[in-house]
Amino acid sequence: MPWRIAPSERKAGVLPDPYRVWLSEVMLQQTTVATVKEYFLRFTARWPTVADLAAAEDADVMGEWAGLGYYARARNLLKCARAVVSDRGGQFPADYDALLKLPGIGPYTAAAVSSIAFDLPHTVLDGNVERVMARLHNIHTPLPDAKPELMQEAEALTPEVRPGDYAQAVMDLGATICTPRSPACGICPWRDPCVSRQQGTASDLPRKLPKKAKPVRHGVVFLGQREDGAWLLETRPEKGLLGGMLGWPGSEWRDISDPLQDTAPPCEAEWRMLDAQVRHTFTHFHLVLQVRTAWLPADATPDRGSFREPETFRPSDLPTVMRKAFDLTRQTP
């Protein structure tokens, strides 16, 4: 993984870059390693230090983040980078409590940076580690109620020596061997002491409380293109889902199936509703968007949003749900 150094390098005196450790941990929240690698390499090529990131334009960072989801992470990423530069001289603190005071850093990220970047004995408890602990100790309390118990067991195993290597090793154990389905118990280094393997319950753990059905929300977006090719776009409010991201003017997302009833388009035009709809799933709800398109005259004066010239518009800068709407306009005659 491009954000790691090998144990042999650490033994030779090579230290991890706290900036790269922090950036990778923020990106990896709710996102797979395979997806994050490409984003991480792009980010570190464009902004190789925390000072470079702190000096970046918000729109540029949000554009590079597009597609990773959970966009509040990108806003907090900038806030944290700027706090590190303005308040700490561009250096991440080698202290768990000090890390917790930085924007967007919670207990998990503080523990990960503390242990991996600074080799401090703080316990990292992500989903992989939770699974390993639940199976190792045969804990049947369902998540999330089991978290305190799992943390207690994980803390008991965290060593004083090389805690950073240990933290990465136990996360990798969960990601590659003690996997959610069909764990490879035969090659696991903790095979012998694993209680759930002995009792044949490994595949049932960790238990989880039943998920509630996600509600469905509805909305509409207006994709208007001017005669010269410019697109009508807006920057979403800082707070809320997709905050600070580029998007199409549209309605609020509501628990009703006809959001057009009281939603006015951003300007007068012959708006045409596409037959297809955008369907997208967020953490807590499903979203269905109607898509309306129109050709706008050269003198169009919208009451929301602004025009972006075609040479400065990159569909890749859009968050996934907005990109889906754009793609529909390309697919629909």
Foldseek 3Di string as FASTA:
>chain_A
DVQADDPVVVVVPDFGALVSQLVQVLLPVVADPVVVPVLSVVCCVQQVALVSLLPDDLLVQLLSCFASFPCVSSVLSNQQSVCCCPPPVRGDDLDLVSNCPGGPDDNQSSQLSNCQRVVAQRFHDDPLQLLVQCQLVVPADAPPVCVVVSRVSRSVPQDRPNSNVVNVVSSVCSVPALDQADHPLVPRPSNVSGPCNVVVCSNVPDHHDDDDDAAEWEKEFEWEAEPQGWTFWAQADQDDGSHRAIAGDIFDTGRDDCHPPPIDHQFDFPWDWDPDWQWDDDPRHIYTYIYIYGYHYPPTDGPGGDIDHPVPDDLSSHHPSRSSNVVVVVVGD
